Amino acid sequence: MGAQDTTDAFFELLNADDRDGALRLIDERVEMRVHVGEGVQILKGHERVGGWFLRADKGLRMIPGEIKDTGHQVECDILVVRPGSPSQKIDAVFKVEAGKISAINLSPR
C-alpha cells in the first residue's frame, strides 16, 4: 500500500469513528509534531500519538483537501471539524514506510 493509499485509509477509518482501526495504520515508533502558536509539541511512540487521536472529541473529522503524493509521504491541507468548536484548516505531512504512518507534522495554515 502506497503513502496516499495508507493516508486515505487512515482518514476514512478516523472519520467513520473507527479510531482503533485508524491507529493500526500507525507505526509503533511514530513521531508527531503539532505546531501550536509559536511552539511545537512533539509526541513519540504509538501510545502517545495514538492517545492524541483517541482523546480527541467524539465526532472529530479530518477531511483532506488538495493532496500531493511524493511517493513516501503525503502533503495535504486538512479541514478539521469538531462538534461544538469552530472548524480549522491545517497543513499536514504524513510520512509512510512499509504501509504504516511513521511521522506526522500538523501546522496551522
PDB file of N, CA and C in Angstrom:
ATOM      1  N   MET A   1       0.856  -1.170   0.000  1.00  0.00           N
ATOM      2  CA  MET A   1       0.000   0.000   0.000  1.00  0.00           C
ATOM      3  C   MET A   1       0.901   1.232   0.000  1.00  0.00           C
ATOM      4  N   GLY A   2       0.645   2.179  -0.909  1.00  0.00           N
ATOM      5  CA  GLY A   2       1.441   3.395  -1.015  1.00  0.00           C
ATOM      6  C   GLY A   2       1.058   4.430   0.027  1.00  0.00           C
ATOM      7  N   ALA A   3       1.799   5.536   0.031  1.00  0.00           N
ATOM      8  CA  ALA A   3       1.577   6.587   1.026  1.00  0.00           C
ATOM      9  C   ALA A   3       0.165   7.150   0.948  1.00  0.00           C
ATOM     10  N   GLN A   4      -0.296   7.438  -0.265  1.00  0.00           N
ATOM     11  CA  GLN A   4      -1.631   8.025  -0.375  1.00  0.00           C
ATOM     12  C   GLN A   4      -2.707   7.001  -0.008  1.00  0.00           C
ATOM     13  N   ASP A   5      -2.524   5.757  -0.406  1.00  0.00           N
ATOM     14  CA  ASP A   5      -3.494   4.721  -0.023  1.00  0.00           C
ATOM     15  C   ASP A   5      -3.577   4.590   1.498  1.00  0.00           C
ATOM     16  N   THR A   6      -2.429   4.630   2.156  1.00  0.00           N
ATOM     17  CA  THR A   6      -2.385   4.499   3.616  1.00  0.00           C
ATOM     18  C   THR A   6      -3.077   5.679   4.285  1.00  0.00           C
ATOM     19  N   THR A   7      -2.766   6.899   3.845  1.00  0.00           N
ATOM     20  CA  THR A   7      -3.389   8.066   4.483  1.00  0.00           C
ATOM     21  C   THR A   7      -4.873   8.140   4.151  1.00  0.00           C
ATOM     22  N   ASP A   8      -5.268   7.753   2.928  1.00  0.00           N
ATOM     23  CA  ASP A   8      -6.700   7.716   2.590  1.00  0.00           C
ATOM     24  C   ASP A   8      -7.438   6.763   3.533  1.00  0.00           C
ATOM     25  N   ALA A   9      -6.864   5.578   3.752  1.00  0.00           N
ATOM     26  CA  ALA A   9      -7.480   4.601   4.652  1.00  0.00           C
ATOM     27  C   ALA A   9      -7.528   5.147   6.079  1.00  0.00           C
ATOM     28  N   PHE A  10      -6.462   5.823   6.517  1.00  0.00           N
ATOM     29  CA  PHE A  10      -6.418   6.409   7.859  1.00  0.00           C
ATOM     30  C   PHE A  10      -7.557   7.406   8.049  1.00  0.00           C
ATOM     31  N   PHE A  11      -7.725   8.341   7.094  1.00  0.00           N
ATOM     32  CA  PHE A  11      -8.792   9.342   7.212  1.00  0.00           C
ATOM     33  C   PHE A  11     -10.168   8.693   7.146  1.00  0.00           C
ATOM     34  N   GLU A  12     -10.326   7.705   6.281  1.00  0.00           N
ATOM     35  CA  GLU A  12     -11.599   7.019   6.145  1.00  0.00           C
ATOM     36  C   GLU A  12     -12.004   6.361   7.467  1.00  0.00           C
ATOM     37  N   LEU A  13     -11.072   5.659   8.091  1.00  0.00           N
ATOM     38  CA  LEU A  13     -11.352   4.996   9.366  1.00  0.00           C
ATOM     39  C   LEU A  13     -11.585   6.007  10.482  1.00  0.00           C
ATOM     40  N   LEU A  14     -10.736   7.029  10.549  1.00  0.00           N
ATOM     41  CA  LEU A  14     -10.870   8.056  11.581  1.00  0.00           C
ATOM     42  C   LEU A  14     -12.225   8.753  11.469  1.00  0.00           C
ATOM     43  N   ASN A  15     -12.610   9.113  10.255  1.00  0.00           N
ATOM     44  CA  ASN A  15     -13.863   9.838  10.039  1.00  0.00           C
ATOM     45  C   ASN A  15     -15.099   8.965  10.219  1.00  0.00           C
ATOM     46  N   ALA A  16     -14.916   7.647  10.213  1.00  0.00           N
ATOM     47  CA  ALA A  16     -16.015   6.722  10.478  1.00  0.00           C
ATOM     48  C   ALA A  16     -16.070   6.366  11.970  1.00  0.00           C
ATOM     49  N   ASP A  17     -15.307   7.093  12.777  1.00  0.00           N
ATOM     50  CA  ASP A  17     -15.198   6.866  14.228  1.00  0.00           C
ATOM     51  C   ASP A  17     -14.610   5.500  14.566  1.00  0.00           C
ATOM     52  N   ASP A  18     -13.837   4.922  13.635  1.00  0.00           N
ATOM     53  CA  ASP A  18     -13.107   3.684  13.908  1.00  0.00           C
ATOM     54  C   ASP A  18     -11.664   4.080  14.233  1.00  0.00           C
ATOM     55  N   ARG A  19     -11.490   4.701  15.387  1.00  0.00           N
ATOM     56  CA  ARG A  19     -10.163   5.204  15.760  1.00  0.00           C
ATOM     57  C   ARG A  19      -9.165   4.078  15.966  1.00  0.00           C
ATOM     58  N   ASP A  20      -9.620   2.955  16.525  1.00  0.00           N
ATOM     59  CA  ASP A  20      -8.713   1.821  16.702  1.00  0.00           C
ATOM     60  C   ASP A  20      -8.223   1.316  15.349  1.00  0.00           C
ATOM     61  N   GLY A  21      -9.112   1.250  14.375  1.00  0.00           N
ATOM     62  CA  GLY A  21      -8.722   0.836  13.031  1.00  0.00           C
ATOM     63  C   GLY A  21      -7.730   1.803  12.420  1.00  0.00           C
ATOM     64  N   ALA A  22      -7.974   3.094  12.600  1.00  0.00           N
ATOM     65  CA  ALA A  22      -7.061   4.117  12.075  1.00  0.00           C
ATOM     66  C   ALA A  22      -5.681   3.979  12.719  1.00  0.00           C
ATOM     67  N   LEU A  23      -5.657   3.703  14.012  1.00  0.00           N
ATOM     68  CA  LEU A  23      -4.383   3.615  14.724  1.00  0.00           C
ATOM     69  C   LEU A  23      -3.575   2.386  14.333  1.00  0.00           C
ATOM     70  N   ARG A  24      -4.230   1.368  13.785  1.00  0.00           N
ATOM     71  CA  ARG A  24      -3.486   0.202  13.299  1.00  0.00           C
ATOM     72  C   ARG A  24      -2.612   0.557  12.093  1.00  0.00           C
ATOM     73  N   LEU A  25      -2.865   1.710  11.471  1.00  0.00           N
ATOM     74  CA  LEU A  25      -2.066   2.151  10.325  1.00  0.00           C
ATOM     75  C   LEU A  25      -0.880   3.016  10.753  1.00  0.00           C
ATOM     76  N   ILE A  26      -0.704   3.176  12.063  1.00  0.00           N
ATOM     77  CA  ILE A  26       0.392   3.994  12.587  1.00  0.00           C
ATOM     78  C   ILE A  26       1.492   3.084  13.126  1.00  0.00           C
ATOM     79  N   ASP A  27       2.721   3.368  12.722  1.00  0.00           N
ATOM     80  CA  ASP A  27       3.884   2.602  13.153  1.00  0.00           C
ATOM     81  C   ASP A  27       4.105   2.753  14.654  1.00  0.00           C
ATOM     82  N   GLU A  28       4.660   1.735  15.275  1.00  0.00           N
ATOM     83  CA  GLU A  28       4.937   1.758  16.723  1.00  0.00           C
ATOM     84  C   GLU A  28       5.885   2.902  17.118  1.00  0.00           C
ATOM     85  N   ARG A  29       6.809   3.260  16.234  1.00  0.00           N
ATOM     86  CA  ARG A  29       7.821   4.282  16.548  1.00  0.00           C
ATOM     87  C   ARG A  29       7.471   5.648  15.942  1.00  0.00           C
ATOM     88  N   VAL A  30       6.217   5.876  15.675  1.00  0.00           N
ATOM     89  CA  VAL A  30       5.772   7.107  15.034  1.00  0.00           C
ATOM     90  C   VAL A  30       6.194   8.341  15.838  1.00  0.00           C
ATOM     91  N   GLU A  31       6.405   9.437  15.123  1.00  0.00           N
ATOM     92  CA  GLU A  31       6.672  10.736  15.756  1.00  0.00           C
ATOM     93  C   GLU A  31       5.716  11.749  15.153  1.00  0.00           C
ATOM     94  N   MET A  32       5.069  12.543  16.019  1.00  0.00           N
ATOM     95  CA  MET A  32       4.125  13.546  15.537  1.00  0.00           C
ATOM     96  C   MET A  32       4.501  14.905  16.100  1.00  0.00           C
ATOM     97  N   ARG A  33       4.556  15.869  15.217  1.00  0.00           N
ATOM     98  CA  ARG A  33       4.801  17.263  15.605  1.00  0.00           C
ATOM     99  C   ARG A  33       3.508  18.037  15.402  1.00  0.00           C
ATOM    100  N   VAL A  34       3.084  18.731  16.461  1.00  0.00           N
ATOM    101  CA  VAL A  34       1.889  19.556  16.407  1.00  0.00           C
ATOM    102  C   VAL A  34       2.322  20.982  16.714  1.00  0.00           C
ATOM    103  N   HIS A  35       2.174  21.853  15.743  1.00  0.00           N
ATOM    104  CA  HIS A  35       2.551  23.260  15.901  1.00  0.00           C
ATOM    105  C   HIS A  35       1.366  24.014  16.497  1.00  0.00           C
ATOM    106  N   VAL A  36       1.601  24.631  17.651  1.00  0.00           N
ATOM    107  CA  VAL A  36       0.568  25.399  18.337  1.00  0.00           C
ATOM    108  C   VAL A  36       1.153  26.765  18.650  1.00  0.00           C
ATOM    109  N   GLY A  37       0.568  27.798  18.059  1.00  0.00           N
ATOM    110  CA  GLY A  37       1.108  29.147  18.255  1.00  0.00           C
ATOM    111  C   GLY A  37       2.556  29.190  17.803  1.00  0.00           C
ATOM    112  N   GLU A  38       3.432  29.650  18.678  1.00  0.00           N
ATOM    113  CA  GLU A  38       4.859  29.733  18.363  1.00  0.00           C
ATOM    114  C   GLU A  38       5.624  28.474  18.754  1.00  0.00           C
ATOM    115  N   GLY A  39       4.952  27.538  19.415  1.00  0.00           N
ATOM    116  CA  GLY A  39       5.628  26.352  19.916  1.00  0.00           C
ATOM    117  C   GLY A  39       5.303  25.098  19.119  1.00  0.00           C
ATOM    118  N   VAL A  40       6.044  24.052  19.439  1.00  0.00           N
ATOM    119  CA  VAL A  40       5.846  22.750  18.807  1.00  0.00           C
ATOM    120  C   VAL A  40       5.781  21.689  19.902  1.00  0.00           C
ATOM    121  N   GLN A  41       4.774  20.862  19.834  1.00  0.00           N
ATOM    122  CA  GLN A  41       4.677  19.727  20.747  1.00  0.00           C
ATOM    123  C   GLN A  41       5.079  18.498  19.951  1.00  0.00           C
ATOM    124  N   ILE A  42       5.999  17.712  20.483  1.00  0.00           N
ATOM    125  CA  ILE A  42       6.466  16.504  19.809  1.00  0.00           C
ATOM    126  C   ILE A  42       6.023  15.293  20.620  1.00  0.00           C
ATOM    127  N   LEU A  43       5.270  14.426  19.972  1.00  0.00           N
ATOM    128  CA  LEU A  43       4.809  13.189  20.590  1.00  0.00           C
ATOM    129  C   LEU A  43       5.540  12.041  19.917  1.00  0.00           C
ATOM    130  N   LYS A  44       6.053  11.116  20.713  1.00  0.00           N
ATOM    131  CA  LYS A  44       6.795   9.979  20.164  1.00  0.00           C
ATOM    132  C   LYS A  44       6.177   8.674  20.636  1.00  0.00           C
ATOM    133  N   GLY A  45       6.060   7.744  19.704  1.00  0.00           N
ATOM    134  CA  GLY A  45       5.571   6.418  20.027  1.00  0.00           C
ATOM    135  C   GLY A  45       4.080   6.266  19.790  1.00  0.00           C
ATOM    136  N   HIS A  46       3.696   5.053  19.506  1.00  0.00           N
ATOM    137  CA  HIS A  46       2.314   4.728  19.184  1.00  0.00           C
ATOM    138  C   HIS A  46       1.357   5.106  20.307  1.00  0.00           C
ATOM    139  N   GLU A  47       1.756   4.875  21.547  1.00  0.00           N
ATOM    140  CA  GLU A  47       0.879   5.160  22.676  1.00  0.00           C
ATOM    141  C   GLU A  47       0.568   6.652  22.795  1.00  0.00           C
ATOM    142  N   ARG A  48       1.578   7.493  22.688  1.00  0.00           N
ATOM    143  CA  ARG A  48       1.362   8.948  22.823  1.00  0.00           C
ATOM    144  C   ARG A  48       0.622   9.524  21.622  1.00  0.00           C
ATOM    145  N   VAL A  49       1.066   9.161  20.411  1.00  0.00           N
ATOM    146  CA  VAL A  49       0.415   9.685  19.206  1.00  0.00           C
ATOM    147  C   VAL A  49      -1.010   9.125  19.117  1.00  0.00           C
ATOM    148  N   GLY A  50      -1.159   7.833  19.331  1.00  0.00           N
ATOM    149  CA  GLY A  50      -2.480   7.235  19.298  1.00  0.00           C
ATOM    150  C   GLY A  50      -3.406   7.837  20.338  1.00  0.00           C
ATOM    151  N   GLY A  51      -2.874   8.115  21.515  1.00  0.00           N
ATOM    152  CA  GLY A  51      -3.657   8.734  22.568  1.00  0.00           C
ATOM    153  C   GLY A  51      -4.186  10.104  22.177  1.00  0.00           C
ATOM    154  N   TRP A  52      -3.401  10.831  21.396  1.00  0.00           N
ATOM    155  CA  TRP A  52      -3.826  12.158  20.926  1.00  0.00           C
ATOM    156  C   TRP A  52      -5.099  12.018  20.097  1.00  0.00           C
ATOM    157  N   PHE A  53      -5.149  11.017  19.227  1.00  0.00           N
ATOM    158  CA  PHE A  53      -6.340  10.800  18.408  1.00  0.00           C
ATOM    159  C   PHE A  53      -7.482  10.208  19.229  1.00  0.00           C
ATOM    160  N   LEU A  54      -7.174   9.315  20.161  1.00  0.00           N
ATOM    161  CA  LEU A  54      -8.217   8.684  20.971  1.00  0.00           C
ATOM    162  C   LEU A  54      -8.881   9.674  21.916  1.00  0.00           C
ATOM    163  N   ARG A  55      -8.123  10.663  22.420  1.00  0.00           N
ATOM    164  CA  ARG A  55      -8.679  11.657  23.353  1.00  0.00           C
ATOM    165  C   ARG A  55      -9.432  12.771  22.640  1.00  0.00           C
ATOM    166  N   ALA A  56      -9.318  12.859  21.332  1.00  0.00           N
ATOM    167  CA  ALA A  56      -9.995  13.926  20.586  1.00  0.00           C
ATOM    168  C   ALA A  56     -11.510  13.799  20.765  1.00  0.00           C
ATOM    169  N   ASP A  57     -12.183  14.911  20.613  1.00  0.00           N
ATOM    170  CA  ASP A  57     -13.638  14.936  20.766  1.00  0.00           C
ATOM    171  C   ASP A  57     -14.310  13.893  19.885  1.00  0.00           C
ATOM    172  N   LYS A  58     -15.366  13.291  20.416  1.00  0.00           N
ATOM    173  CA  LYS A  58     -16.153  12.353  19.607  1.00  0.00           C
ATOM    174  C   LYS A  58     -16.730  13.142  18.435  1.00  0.00           C
ATOM    175  N   GLY A  59     -16.686  12.576  17.283  1.00  0.00           N
ATOM    176  CA  GLY A  59     -17.173  13.271  16.099  1.00  0.00           C
ATOM    177  C   GLY A  59     -16.083  14.037  15.366  1.00  0.00           C
ATOM    178  N   LEU A  60     -14.835  13.917  15.826  1.00  0.00           N
ATOM    179  CA  LEU A  60     -13.723  14.561  15.128  1.00  0.00           C
ATOM    180  C   LEU A  60     -13.694  14.088  13.680  1.00  0.00           C
ATOM    181  N   ARG A  61     -13.565  15.019  12.764  1.00  0.00           N
ATOM    182  CA  ARG A  61     -13.416  14.687  11.350  1.00  0.00           C
ATOM    183  C   ARG A  61     -12.210  15.442  10.817  1.00  0.00           C
ATOM    184  N   MET A  62     -11.377  14.740  10.079  1.00  0.00           N
ATOM    185  CA  MET A  62     -10.228  15.354   9.407  1.00  0.00           C
ATOM    186  C   MET A  62     -10.410  15.075   7.918  1.00  0.00           C
ATOM    187  N   ILE A  63     -10.760  16.116   7.176  1.00  0.00           N
ATOM    188  CA  ILE A  63     -11.112  15.961   5.769  1.00  0.00           C
ATOM    189  C   ILE A  63      -9.992  16.531   4.911  1.00  0.00           C
ATOM    190  N   PRO A  64      -9.270  15.659   4.198  1.00  0.00           N
ATOM    191  CA  PRO A  64      -8.165  16.150   3.371  1.00  0.00           C
ATOM    192  C   PRO A  64      -8.670  16.871   2.136  1.00  0.00           C
ATOM    193  N   GLY A  65      -7.967  17.941   1.789  1.00  0.00           N
ATOM    194  CA  GLY A  65      -8.256  18.685   0.563  1.00  0.00           C
ATOM    195  C   GLY A  65      -7.220  18.338  -0.480  1.00  0.00           C
ATOM    196  N   GLU A  66      -6.564  19.347  -0.991  1.00  0.00           N
ATOM    197  CA  GLU A  66      -5.541  19.125  -2.017  1.00  0.00           C
ATOM    198  C   GLU A  66      -4.435  18.222  -1.473  1.00  0.00           C
ATOM    199  N   ILE A  67      -4.105  17.188  -2.223  1.00  0.00           N
ATOM    200  CA  ILE A  67      -3.119  16.194  -1.797  1.00  0.00           C
ATOM    201  C   ILE A  67      -1.964  16.159  -2.781  1.00  0.00           C
ATOM    202  N   LYS A  68      -0.751  16.151  -2.241  1.00  0.00           N
ATOM    203  CA  LYS A  68       0.459  15.999  -3.045  1.00  0.00           C
ATOM    204  C   LYS A  68       1.178  14.748  -2.553  1.00  0.00           C
ATOM    205  N   ASP A  69       1.199  13.728  -3.394  1.00  0.00           N
ATOM    206  CA  ASP A  69       1.838  12.456  -3.050  1.00  0.00           C
ATOM    207  C   ASP A  69       3.236  12.465  -3.647  1.00  0.00           C
ATOM    208  N   THR A  70       4.257  12.395  -2.784  1.00  0.00           N
ATOM    209  CA  THR A  70       5.638  12.402  -3.269  1.00  0.00           C
ATOM    210  C   THR A  70       6.261  11.010  -3.205  1.00  0.00           C
ATOM    211  N   GLY A  71       5.437   9.996  -3.085  1.00  0.00           N
ATOM    212  CA  GLY A  71       5.949   8.632  -3.042  1.00  0.00           C
ATOM    213  C   GLY A  71       5.964   8.065  -1.643  1.00  0.00           C
ATOM    214  N   HIS A  72       6.828   8.575  -0.794  1.00  0.00           N
ATOM    215  CA  HIS A  72       6.917   8.081   0.587  1.00  0.00           C
ATOM    216  C   HIS A  72       6.230   8.998   1.588  1.00  0.00           C
ATOM    217  N   GLN A  73       5.734  10.136   1.115  1.00  0.00           N
ATOM    218  CA  GLN A  73       4.987  10.998   2.021  1.00  0.00           C
ATOM    219  C   GLN A  73       3.872  11.704   1.274  1.00  0.00           C
ATOM    220  N   VAL A  74       2.889  12.143   2.042  1.00  0.00           N
ATOM    221  CA  VAL A  74       1.736  12.847   1.510  1.00  0.00           C
ATOM    222  C   VAL A  74       1.656  14.193   2.202  1.00  0.00           C
ATOM    223  N   GLU A  75       1.550  15.242   1.402  1.00  0.00           N
ATOM    224  CA  GLU A  75       1.338  16.591   1.928  1.00  0.00           C
ATOM    225  C   GLU A  75      -0.081  16.983   1.558  1.00  0.00           C
ATOM    226  N   CYS A  76      -0.828  17.525   2.517  1.00  0.00           N
ATOM    227  CA  CYS A  76      -2.200  17.913   2.213  1.00  0.00           C
ATOM    228  C   CYS A  76      -2.676  19.010   3.161  1.00  0.00           C
ATOM    229  N   ASP A  77      -3.720  19.702   2.698  1.00  0.00           N
ATOM    230  CA  ASP A  77      -4.396  20.610   3.607  1.00  0.00           C
ATOM    231  C   ASP A  77      -5.600  19.850   4.143  1.00  0.00           C
ATOM    232  N   ILE A  78      -5.897  20.072   5.402  1.00  0.00           N
ATOM    233  CA  ILE A  78      -6.953  19.317   6.069  1.00  0.00           C
ATOM    234  C   ILE A  78      -7.936  20.286   6.723  1.00  0.00           C
ATOM    235  N   LEU A  79      -9.210  20.003   6.553  1.00  0.00           N
ATOM    236  CA  LEU A  79     -10.248  20.701   7.284  1.00  0.00           C
ATOM    237  C   LEU A  79     -10.569  19.840   8.503  1.00  0.00           C
ATOM    238  N   VAL A  80     -10.399  20.420   9.690  1.00  0.00           N
ATOM    239  CA  VAL A  80     -10.670  19.702  10.934  1.00  0.00           C
ATOM    240  C   VAL A  80     -12.000  20.209  11.481  1.00  0.00           C
ATOM    241  N   VAL A  81     -12.917  19.265  11.692  1.00  0.00           N
ATOM    242  CA  VAL A  81     -14.241  19.596  12.203  1.00  0.00           C
ATOM    243  C   VAL A  81     -14.434  18.860  13.521  1.00  0.00           C
ATOM    244  N   ARG A  82     -14.759  19.634  14.562  1.00  0.00           N
ATOM    245  CA  ARG A  82     -15.047  19.062  15.885  1.00  0.00           C
ATOM    246  C   ARG A  82     -16.369  19.637  16.347  1.00  0.00           C
ATOM    247  N   PRO A  83     -17.297  18.793  16.761  1.00  0.00           N
ATOM    248  CA  PRO A  83     -18.591  19.296  17.237  1.00  0.00           C
ATOM    249  C   PRO A  83     -18.407  20.327  18.350  1.00  0.00           C
ATOM    250  N   GLY A  84     -19.114  21.447  18.228  1.00  0.00           N
ATOM    251  CA  GLY A  84     -19.071  22.472  19.258  1.00  0.00           C
ATOM    252  C   GLY A  84     -17.881  23.404  19.182  1.00  0.00           C
ATOM    253  N   SER A  85     -17.029  23.242  18.172  1.00  0.00           N
ATOM    254  CA  SER A  85     -15.852  24.097  18.018  1.00  0.00           C
ATOM    255  C   SER A  85     -15.798  24.629  16.593  1.00  0.00           C
ATOM    256  N   PRO A  86     -15.167  25.790  16.412  1.00  0.00           N
ATOM    257  CA  PRO A  86     -15.011  26.288  15.042  1.00  0.00           C
ATOM    258  C   PRO A  86     -14.130  25.336  14.231  1.00  0.00           C
ATOM    259  N   SER A  87     -14.440  25.201  12.945  1.00  0.00           N
ATOM    260  CA  SER A  87     -13.601  24.362  12.091  1.00  0.00           C
ATOM    261  C   SER A  87     -12.240  25.037  11.933  1.00  0.00           C
ATOM    262  N   GLN A  88     -11.276  24.239  11.562  1.00  0.00           N
ATOM    263  CA  GLN A  88      -9.889  24.701  11.474  1.00  0.00           C
ATOM    264  C   GLN A  88      -9.268  24.137  10.199  1.00  0.00           C
ATOM    265  N   LYS A  89      -8.412  24.900   9.566  1.00  0.00           N
ATOM    266  CA  LYS A  89      -7.658  24.395   8.421  1.00  0.00           C
ATOM    267  C   LYS A  89      -6.204  24.261   8.843  1.00  0.00           C
ATOM    268  N   ILE A  90      -5.628  23.098   8.555  1.00  0.00           N
ATOM    269  CA  ILE A  90      -4.233  22.862   8.898  1.00  0.00           C
ATOM    270  C   ILE A  90      -3.502  22.276   7.699  1.00  0.00           C
ATOM    271  N   ASP A  91      -2.194  22.426   7.721  1.00  0.00           N
ATOM    272  CA  ASP A  91      -1.326  21.777   6.744  1.00  0.00           C
ATOM    273  C   ASP A  91      -0.773  20.527   7.411  1.00  0.00           C
ATOM    274  N   ALA A  92      -0.686  19.456   6.656  1.00  0.00           N
ATOM    275  CA  ALA A  92      -0.222  18.198   7.226  1.00  0.00           C
ATOM    276  C   ALA A  92       0.738  17.499   6.280  1.00  0.00           C
ATOM    277  N   VAL A  93       1.700  16.816   6.864  1.00  0.00           N
ATOM    278  CA  VAL A  93       2.604  15.948   6.123  1.00  0.00           C
ATOM    279  C   VAL A  93       2.597  14.600   6.845  1.00  0.00           C
ATOM    280  N   PHE A  94       2.324  13.553   6.094  1.00  0.00           N
ATOM    281  CA  PHE A  94       2.336  12.188   6.615  1.00  0.00           C
ATOM    282  C   PHE A  94       3.435  11.422   5.896  1.00  0.00           C
ATOM    283  N   LYS A  95       4.370  10.891   6.644  1.00  0.00           N
ATOM    284  CA  LYS A  95       5.419  10.050   6.075  1.00  0.00           C
ATOM    285  C   LYS A  95       5.005   8.602   6.287  1.00  0.00           C
ATOM    286  N   VAL A  96       5.117   7.803   5.241  1.00  0.00           N
ATOM    287  CA  VAL A  96       4.686   6.410   5.302  1.00  0.00           C
ATOM    288  C   VAL A  96       5.848   5.508   4.918  1.00  0.00           C
ATOM    289  N   GLU A  97       6.072   4.500   5.756  1.00  0.00           N
ATOM    290  CA  GLU A  97       7.102   3.493   5.487  1.00  0.00           C
ATOM    291  C   GLU A  97       6.487   2.119   5.674  1.00  0.00           C
ATOM    292  N   ALA A  98       6.648   1.267   4.690  1.00  0.00           N
ATOM    293  CA  ALA A  98       6.149  -0.121   4.743  1.00  0.00           C
ATOM    294  C   ALA A  98       4.662  -0.181   5.100  1.00  0.00           C
ATOM    295  N   GLY A  99       3.879   0.734   4.523  1.00  0.00           N
ATOM    296  CA  GLY A  99       2.441   0.719   4.733  1.00  0.00           C
ATOM    297  C   GLY A  99       1.960   1.247   6.070  1.00  0.00           C
ATOM    298  N   LYS A 100       2.861   1.839   6.865  1.00  0.00           N
ATOM    299  CA  LYS A 100       2.496   2.398   8.173  1.00  0.00           C
ATOM    300  C   LYS A 100       2.907   3.864   8.228  1.00  0.00           C
ATOM    301  N   ILE A 101       2.114   4.677   8.881  1.00  0.00           N
ATOM    302  CA  ILE A 101       2.445   6.090   9.061  1.00  0.00           C
ATOM    303  C   ILE A 101       3.549   6.186  10.114  1.00  0.00           C
ATOM    304  N   SER A 102       4.699   6.718   9.706  1.00  0.00           N
ATOM    305  CA  SER A 102       5.849   6.782  10.613  1.00  0.00           C
ATOM    306  C   SER A 102       6.095   8.188  11.161  1.00  0.00           C
ATOM    307  N   ALA A 103       5.523   9.204  10.527  1.00  0.00           N
ATOM    308  CA  ALA A 103       5.687  10.574  11.027  1.00  0.00           C
ATOM    309  C   ALA A 103       4.495  11.419  10.557  1.00  0.00           C
ATOM    310  N   ILE A 104       4.076  12.330  11.436  1.00  0.00           N
ATOM    311  CA  ILE A 104       3.002  13.252  11.134  1.00  0.00           C
ATOM    312  C   ILE A 104       3.441  14.634  11.577  1.00  0.00           C
ATOM    313  N   ASN A 105       3.212  15.623  10.721  1.00  0.00           N
ATOM    314  CA  ASN A 105       3.529  17.000  11.066  1.00  0.00           C
ATOM    315  C   ASN A 105       2.260  17.820  10.785  1.00  0.00           C
ATOM    316  N   LEU A 106       1.681  18.418  11.827  1.00  0.00           N
ATOM    317  CA  LEU A 106       0.466  19.220  11.701  1.00  0.00           C
ATOM    318  C   LEU A 106       0.775  20.668  12.062  1.00  0.00           C
ATOM    319  N   SER A 107       0.441  21.585  11.173  1.00  0.00           N
ATOM    320  CA  SER A 107       0.693  23.004  11.461  1.00  0.00           C
ATOM    321  C   SER A 107      -0.469  23.841  10.949  1.00  0.00           C
ATOM    322  N   PRO A 108      -0.750  24.950  11.661  1.00  0.00           N
ATOM    323  CA  PRO A 108      -1.858  25.817  11.246  1.00  0.00           C
ATOM    324  C   PRO A 108      -1.557  26.480   9.914  1.00  0.00           C
ATOM    325  N   ARG A 109      -2.583  26.808   9.199  1.00  0.00           N
ATOM    326  CA  ARG A 109      -2.437  27.495   7.910  1.00  0.00           C
ATOM    327  C   ARG A 109      -2.318  28.976   8.139  1.00  0.00           C
TER     328      ARG A 109
END
